[in-house]
Amino acid sequence: MDRYNYVILGSDWDLYKFAYSDLYRFDNVKYIAGLYPPSDSLKGVLYRIHFNPAVNRIVNLPFKQVWNKTYFKNNMFSHQKPLCFIVFTNWLNQNVGIVEYLKIKFPEAKLVCMLQDLVSTQQVRFSKERFDCDRIKQQFDLVLSFDARDCVTYGFVYHPLVFSSYHGKLKNMPYSDIYMLAHAKNRLNDICRVYGVLKDNGLKINMLLAGVAPEDRKYRDEIIYLESGRKISYEDNLQYVLHTRSILEVMQANGAGFTQRTCEAVCLGKKLLTNNTYIESAPFFNSTYISTFTTVDDIDLDFVKKIKEPVDVDYHYKEKMSPIELLDFIEERL
């Protein structure tokens, strides 16, 4: 990862700030979380007015591209090396011509696009435009996606999500047998059916669900339903993961990649119960620690009953999920 000075145009979501934090100690990597300038400055106030969704739904305010020059200055690095910009799709979906700006300002730089979610979920802001995969491939030197099916469909290069080492303190809180934090989306019925199976088999379940209307809430005295606007910080999520024996994953429809829950299980040493059968081909797959199902009726009850048993879970793979490995992967392909 020494060939380039890397600028990661990432996300201000604390999940991704943590996921890429292994890179922060390197002087040739800068992670830019977006939403610049700082919110407590006059420029920050003007920025947020300019990009305010409520305003732009009425009238798409012009000249948003003027902010592109504020995100990155080339004097951030102490040593001169070729530049490589790694761009998350949330920057593209702002629809402000960030790629065109980079190509003009830094014509020799390499450009890599990172898709952190399915193509079907991408939404271009303030516009009726669709996310254009062919255009993305023309604009970038390399396009990476964590989803194997999207890679086949759209001709992207596959790379799993990344996960950094955790160096925080372990809080004093109760343990669960299995944990899940999710936005229900199109999977609420499946999640609740799995919950019923786990409950019937005596597991202590810690489940937090967002995006569920009050009238659709099953097991409402047991599942924690997050009210609209309430968010769980990624640090709190990590504490829940660290205080459980296993993680439950119910994939979105059409997903075929390793999600953040998989990264958490592998890197933090937790068992995983998932309906992502694609994981059986993963290099870290271990049937002692991971059990897959296609329908609720397929859940391996022997695996479920053994979740309570204390065991040292080690996939011997967490180093390969580090963002450091991602930069090595990129350098091999540029």
Protein backbone atom coordinates (compact mmCIF):
# COMPACT_ATOMS: atom_id res chain seq x y z
CA MET A 1 0.00 0.00 0.00
CA ASP A 2 2.99 2.30 -0.46
CA ARG A 3 2.66 3.16 -4.16
CA TYR A 4 0.06 5.94 -3.80
CA ASN A 5 -1.15 8.70 -1.54
CA TYR A 6 -4.71 7.53 -0.87
CA VAL A 7 -7.66 9.85 -0.44
CA ILE A 8 -10.76 7.95 0.69
CA LEU A 9 -13.90 9.95 -0.01
CA GLY A 10 -15.88 7.94 2.51
CA SER A 11 -18.94 8.30 4.69
CA ASP A 12 -19.60 10.16 7.91
CA TRP A 13 -21.48 7.10 9.18
CA ASP A 14 -19.56 5.92 12.24
CA LEU A 15 -19.69 2.33 10.97
CA TYR A 16 -17.42 3.21 8.05
CA LYS A 17 -15.25 5.53 10.11
CA PHE A 18 -14.51 2.53 12.34
CA ALA A 19 -14.20 0.03 9.48
CA TYR A 20 -11.39 2.07 7.89
CA SER A 21 -9.72 3.17 11.14
CA ASP A 22 -6.76 0.76 10.74
CA LEU A 23 -5.57 3.13 8.01
CA TYR A 24 -5.56 6.30 10.08
CA ARG A 25 -2.02 5.75 11.36
CA PHE A 26 -0.49 5.82 7.86
CA ASP A 27 0.78 9.14 6.55
CA ASN A 28 -0.16 8.27 2.95
CA VAL A 29 -3.89 7.77 3.70
CA LYS A 30 -6.54 10.41 4.36
CA TYR A 31 -10.13 9.43 5.14
CA ILE A 32 -12.58 12.22 4.33
CA ALA A 33 -15.98 11.61 5.86
CA GLY A 34 -17.89 14.17 3.83
CA LEU A 35 -20.32 16.85 4.96
CA TYR A 36 -17.68 19.53 4.92
CA PRO A 37 -17.07 22.13 6.19
CA PRO A 38 -17.65 21.70 9.98
CA SER A 39 -21.25 22.18 11.06
CA ASP A 40 -20.39 24.91 13.59
CA SER A 41 -18.88 27.22 10.95
CA LEU A 42 -20.66 29.73 8.73
CA LYS A 43 -19.62 27.70 5.68
CA GLY A 44 -21.08 24.63 7.35
CA VAL A 45 -24.43 26.35 7.83
CA LEU A 46 -24.45 27.47 4.18
CA TYR A 47 -23.47 23.97 3.04
CA ARG A 48 -26.35 22.36 4.88
CA ILE A 49 -28.82 24.88 3.53
CA HIS A 50 -27.50 24.23 0.01
CA PHE A 51 -27.94 20.45 0.39
CA ASN A 52 -31.07 20.47 2.57
CA PRO A 53 -33.36 17.71 1.23
CA ALA A 54 -36.57 19.57 2.16
CA VAL A 55 -35.48 22.62 0.17
CA ASN A 56 -34.17 20.62 -2.79
CA ARG A 57 -37.35 18.58 -3.08
CA ILE A 58 -39.11 21.87 -3.91
CA VAL A 59 -36.34 23.34 -6.06
CA ASN A 60 -33.02 21.72 -6.91
CA LEU A 61 -30.62 24.47 -5.86
CA PRO A 62 -27.89 25.08 -8.49
CA PHE A 63 -24.11 25.38 -8.20
CA LYS A 64 -23.59 22.57 -5.65
CA GLN A 65 -20.40 21.66 -7.51
CA VAL A 66 -18.70 24.78 -6.06
CA TRP A 67 -18.14 22.79 -2.85
CA ASN A 68 -15.99 20.15 -4.58
CA LYS A 69 -12.81 22.19 -4.11
CA THR A 70 -13.30 22.29 -0.32
CA TYR A 71 -13.07 18.55 0.29
CA PHE A 72 -9.41 17.87 -0.41
CA LYS A 73 -6.15 19.81 -0.61
CA ASN A 74 -3.08 18.14 -2.15
CA ASN A 75 -0.84 19.46 0.64
CA MET A 76 -2.34 16.95 3.09
CA PHE A 77 0.56 14.58 2.45
CA SER A 78 4.15 14.97 3.61
CA HIS A 79 5.60 12.84 0.77
CA GLN A 80 4.87 13.28 -2.92
CA LYS A 81 3.38 10.16 -4.53
CA PRO A 82 0.80 9.55 -7.24
CA LEU A 83 -2.74 10.09 -5.98
CA CYS A 84 -5.41 7.43 -5.75
CA PHE A 85 -8.96 8.49 -4.88
CA ILE A 86 -11.24 5.81 -3.43
CA VAL A 87 -14.79 7.13 -3.80
CA PHE A 88 -17.84 5.77 -1.97
CA THR A 89 -21.09 5.94 -3.94
CA ASN A 90 -22.68 8.41 -1.52
CA TRP A 91 -20.35 11.02 -3.08
CA LEU A 92 -21.55 10.09 -6.55
CA ASN A 93 -25.18 10.18 -5.48
CA GLN A 94 -24.82 13.80 -4.38
CA ASN A 95 -24.89 14.49 -8.14
CA VAL A 96 -22.38 17.35 -7.97
CA GLY A 97 -19.85 16.20 -10.57
CA ILE A 98 -17.20 15.11 -8.05
CA VAL A 99 -15.59 12.66 -10.52
CA GLU A 100 -15.44 15.24 -13.30
CA TYR A 101 -13.85 17.69 -10.86
CA LEU A 102 -11.19 15.18 -9.76
CA LYS A 103 -10.34 14.31 -13.35
CA ILE A 104 -9.78 17.97 -14.20
CA LYS A 105 -7.97 18.93 -10.98
CA PHE A 106 -5.87 15.76 -10.69
CA PRO A 107 -5.65 14.33 -14.23
CA GLU A 108 -2.91 11.83 -13.34
CA ALA A 109 -4.73 10.37 -10.32
CA LYS A 110 -6.22 6.90 -10.21
CA LEU A 111 -9.93 6.66 -9.40
CA VAL A 112 -11.49 3.68 -7.60
CA CYS A 113 -15.21 3.37 -6.86
CA MET A 114 -16.38 1.45 -3.77
CA LEU A 115 -19.98 0.21 -3.69
CA GLN A 116 -20.96 -0.31 -0.06
CA ASP A 117 -24.50 -1.42 -0.89
CA LEU A 118 -26.49 -3.13 -3.64
CA VAL A 119 -26.92 -1.33 -6.95
CA SER A 120 -30.69 -1.67 -6.53
CA THR A 121 -30.54 0.53 -3.41
CA GLN A 122 -28.57 3.40 -4.97
CA GLN A 123 -30.44 6.69 -5.27
CA VAL A 124 -29.16 9.83 -6.99
CA ARG A 125 -30.13 12.81 -4.81
CA PHE A 126 -32.07 15.79 -6.13
CA SER A 127 -32.56 14.06 -9.45
CA LYS A 128 -34.67 11.55 -11.35
CA GLU A 129 -31.50 10.01 -12.78
CA ARG A 130 -30.82 6.34 -12.20
CA PHE A 131 -27.51 5.03 -10.91
CA ASP A 132 -25.64 4.43 -14.18
CA CYS A 133 -23.32 1.43 -13.83
CA ASP A 134 -21.94 1.69 -17.37
CA ARG A 135 -21.02 5.33 -16.81
CA ILE A 136 -19.35 4.47 -13.50
CA LYS A 137 -17.17 1.85 -15.20
CA GLN A 138 -16.12 4.37 -17.83
CA GLN A 139 -15.26 7.04 -15.27
CA PHE A 140 -13.22 4.88 -12.86
CA ASP A 141 -10.06 2.85 -13.24
CA LEU A 142 -11.50 0.19 -10.93
CA VAL A 143 -15.01 -0.45 -9.57
CA LEU A 144 -15.32 -2.68 -6.50
CA SER A 145 -18.45 -4.17 -4.95
CA PHE A 146 -18.93 -6.39 -1.90
CA ASP A 147 -21.83 -8.19 -3.60
CA ALA A 148 -20.88 -11.12 -5.82
CA ARG A 149 -24.14 -11.09 -7.75
CA ASP A 150 -23.82 -7.39 -8.60
CA CYS A 151 -20.26 -8.06 -9.77
CA VAL A 152 -21.48 -10.68 -12.22
CA THR A 153 -24.45 -8.59 -13.37
CA TYR A 154 -22.64 -5.29 -13.86
CA GLY A 155 -19.02 -6.32 -14.45
CA PHE A 156 -17.57 -5.00 -11.19
CA VAL A 157 -14.58 -6.47 -9.32
CA TYR A 158 -15.44 -8.32 -6.14
CA HIS A 159 -13.94 -7.39 -2.77
CA PRO A 160 -15.56 -8.03 0.62
CA LEU A 161 -16.30 -5.28 3.11
CA VAL A 162 -13.47 -4.36 5.47
CA PHE A 163 -13.24 -4.27 9.25
CA SER A 164 -10.64 -2.72 11.54
CA SER A 165 -9.29 -3.83 14.91
CA TYR A 166 -11.28 -2.77 17.98
CA HIS A 167 -9.27 -1.05 20.68
CA GLY A 168 -12.06 0.28 22.87
CA LYS A 169 -13.06 -0.74 26.36
CA LEU A 170 -15.49 -3.54 27.13
CA LYS A 171 -18.50 -2.17 28.98
CA ASN A 172 -20.19 -3.88 31.90
CA MET A 173 -23.46 -5.16 30.42
CA PRO A 174 -25.38 -8.47 30.18
CA TYR A 175 -24.58 -11.11 27.58
CA SER A 176 -27.04 -12.46 25.04
CA ASP A 177 -26.97 -15.74 23.17
CA ILE A 178 -27.71 -14.13 19.83
CA TYR A 179 -27.88 -10.53 18.61
CA MET A 180 -29.30 -8.66 15.65
CA LEU A 181 -29.55 -4.97 14.76
CA ALA A 182 -31.29 -4.29 11.45
CA HIS A 183 -33.54 -2.05 9.45
CA ALA A 184 -36.39 -4.43 8.68
CA LYS A 185 -36.84 -3.34 5.03
CA ASN A 186 -38.27 -6.26 3.02
CA ARG A 187 -37.50 -8.97 5.55
CA LEU A 188 -39.66 -8.29 8.64
CA ASN A 189 -41.76 -11.44 8.31
CA ASP A 190 -38.68 -13.67 7.93
CA ILE A 191 -36.93 -12.00 10.87
CA CYS A 192 -39.92 -12.51 13.15
CA ARG A 193 -40.28 -16.17 12.14
CA VAL A 194 -36.60 -16.76 12.92
CA TYR A 195 -37.08 -14.97 16.23
CA GLY A 196 -39.85 -17.41 17.10
CA VAL A 197 -37.61 -20.43 16.42
CA LEU A 198 -34.79 -19.01 18.54
CA LYS A 199 -37.17 -18.17 21.38
CA ASP A 200 -38.72 -21.64 21.31
CA ASN A 201 -35.22 -23.11 21.69
CA GLY A 202 -34.51 -21.14 24.83
CA LEU A 203 -32.03 -18.55 23.53
CA LYS A 204 -31.60 -15.17 25.15
CA ILE A 205 -32.16 -12.86 22.17
CA ASN A 206 -31.10 -9.25 21.83
CA MET A 207 -32.89 -7.92 18.74
CA LEU A 208 -33.22 -4.27 17.70
CA LEU A 209 -35.29 -3.42 14.62
CA ALA A 210 -35.78 -0.09 12.89
CA GLY A 211 -38.26 1.00 10.26
CA VAL A 212 -41.25 -1.01 11.51
CA ALA A 213 -44.67 0.61 11.74
CA PRO A 214 -46.36 0.19 15.16
CA GLU A 215 -49.15 -1.95 13.72
CA ASP A 216 -46.62 -4.42 12.24
CA ARG A 217 -44.63 -5.01 15.42
CA LYS A 218 -44.67 -8.63 16.57
CA TYR A 219 -43.18 -9.75 19.90
CA ARG A 220 -43.44 -6.06 20.82
CA ASP A 221 -42.64 -6.75 24.49
CA GLU A 222 -39.44 -8.62 23.60
CA ILE A 223 -37.99 -7.15 20.42
CA ILE A 224 -36.70 -3.58 20.78
CA TYR A 225 -38.31 -1.52 18.03
CA LEU A 226 -36.46 1.72 17.37
CA GLU A 227 -38.72 4.71 16.94
CA SER A 228 -38.31 6.88 13.85
CA GLY A 229 -35.26 9.10 14.19
CA ARG A 230 -33.62 7.03 16.91
CA LYS A 231 -30.23 5.68 15.92
CA ILE A 232 -27.84 3.26 17.58
CA SER A 233 -24.22 4.40 17.37
CA TYR A 234 -21.79 1.93 15.89
CA GLU A 235 -19.85 1.95 19.16
CA ASP A 236 -23.01 0.78 20.97
CA ASN A 237 -23.56 -1.83 18.26
CA LEU A 238 -20.02 -3.10 18.79
CA GLN A 239 -20.67 -3.40 22.52
CA TYR A 240 -23.76 -5.52 21.81
CA VAL A 241 -21.68 -7.70 19.46
CA LEU A 242 -18.91 -8.06 22.03
CA HIS A 243 -21.53 -9.09 24.60
CA THR A 244 -23.16 -11.88 22.60
CA ARG A 245 -22.24 -15.44 21.67
CA SER A 246 -23.59 -15.28 18.13
CA ILE A 247 -24.96 -12.96 15.46
CA LEU A 248 -28.15 -13.40 13.45
CA GLU A 249 -28.20 -12.28 9.82
CA VAL A 250 -31.27 -12.21 7.57
CA MET A 251 -30.16 -10.85 4.21
CA GLN A 252 -31.99 -8.34 2.05
CA ALA A 253 -33.62 -9.81 -1.03
CA ASN A 254 -31.11 -10.48 -3.83
CA GLY A 255 -28.04 -9.92 -1.65
CA ALA A 256 -25.09 -12.27 -2.26
CA GLY A 257 -22.12 -10.73 -0.48
CA PHE A 258 -20.58 -10.80 2.95
CA THR A 259 -22.23 -8.09 5.02
CA GLN A 260 -20.98 -6.09 7.97
CA ARG A 261 -22.46 -8.72 10.28
CA THR A 262 -20.23 -11.33 8.70
CA CYS A 263 -17.20 -9.07 9.22
CA GLU A 264 -18.17 -8.61 12.86
CA ALA A 265 -18.55 -12.34 13.42
CA VAL A 266 -15.22 -13.21 11.79
CA CYS A 267 -13.18 -10.37 13.30
CA LEU A 268 -14.70 -10.37 16.78
CA GLY A 269 -14.95 -14.14 17.17
CA LYS A 270 -18.71 -14.81 17.16
CA LYS A 271 -20.82 -17.60 15.75
CA LEU A 272 -23.11 -16.68 12.85
CA LEU A 273 -26.58 -17.87 11.88
CA THR A 274 -27.37 -16.59 8.38
CA ASN A 275 -29.61 -17.16 5.40
CA ASN A 276 -26.71 -16.20 3.10
CA THR A 277 -25.82 -19.62 1.68
CA TYR A 278 -23.18 -17.93 -0.51
CA ILE A 279 -21.01 -17.83 2.62
CA GLU A 280 -20.45 -21.58 2.38
CA SER A 281 -17.92 -20.90 -0.39
CA ALA A 282 -16.02 -18.33 1.67
CA PRO A 283 -12.41 -19.08 2.60
CA PHE A 284 -13.20 -18.51 6.27
CA PHE A 285 -16.29 -20.76 6.35
CA ASN A 286 -16.34 -23.16 9.30
CA SER A 287 -19.49 -25.19 9.94
CA THR A 288 -18.69 -25.28 13.65
CA TYR A 289 -19.10 -21.51 13.83
CA ILE A 290 -21.45 -20.72 10.92
CA SER A 291 -24.82 -22.24 10.10
CA THR A 292 -26.83 -21.33 7.00
CA PHE A 293 -30.51 -21.73 6.17
CA THR A 294 -32.68 -20.99 3.13
CA THR A 295 -36.04 -21.04 4.91
CA VAL A 296 -36.97 -20.89 8.56
CA ASP A 297 -37.81 -24.61 8.44
CA ASP A 298 -34.20 -25.32 7.39
CA ILE A 299 -32.61 -23.84 10.53
CA ASP A 300 -30.26 -26.36 12.13
CA LEU A 301 -31.67 -26.72 15.62
CA ASP A 302 -28.62 -28.65 16.81
CA PHE A 303 -26.48 -25.61 15.93
CA VAL A 304 -28.98 -23.31 17.66
CA LYS A 305 -28.94 -25.36 20.85
CA LYS A 306 -25.12 -25.33 20.93
CA ILE A 307 -24.95 -21.53 20.75
CA LYS A 308 -25.20 -21.36 24.53
CA GLU A 309 -22.10 -23.51 24.94
CA PRO A 310 -18.97 -21.40 25.63
CA VAL A 311 -16.37 -21.85 22.89
CA ASP A 312 -13.33 -19.93 21.65
CA VAL A 313 -14.30 -18.84 18.12
CA ASP A 314 -11.38 -18.11 15.78
CA TYR A 315 -11.79 -18.04 12.00
CA HIS A 316 -8.06 -17.28 11.43
CA TYR A 317 -9.05 -14.70 8.83
CA LYS A 318 -9.55 -11.28 10.42
CA GLU A 319 -6.25 -9.87 9.10
CA LYS A 320 -7.51 -10.45 5.55
CA MET A 321 -10.56 -8.28 6.23
CA SER A 322 -8.44 -5.30 7.21
CA PRO A 323 -8.60 -2.16 5.03
CA ILE A 324 -4.82 -2.48 4.77
CA GLU A 325 -5.37 -5.61 2.67
CA LEU A 326 -7.88 -3.65 0.57
CA LEU A 327 -5.22 -1.12 -0.45
CA ASP A 328 -2.84 -3.94 -1.35
CA PHE A 329 -5.63 -5.48 -3.44
CA ILE A 330 -6.20 -2.18 -5.24
CA GLU A 331 -2.50 -1.69 -5.97
CA GLU A 332 -2.30 -5.14 -7.57
CA ARG A 333 -5.07 -4.16 -10.00
CA LEU A 334 -4.18 -0.61 -10.96
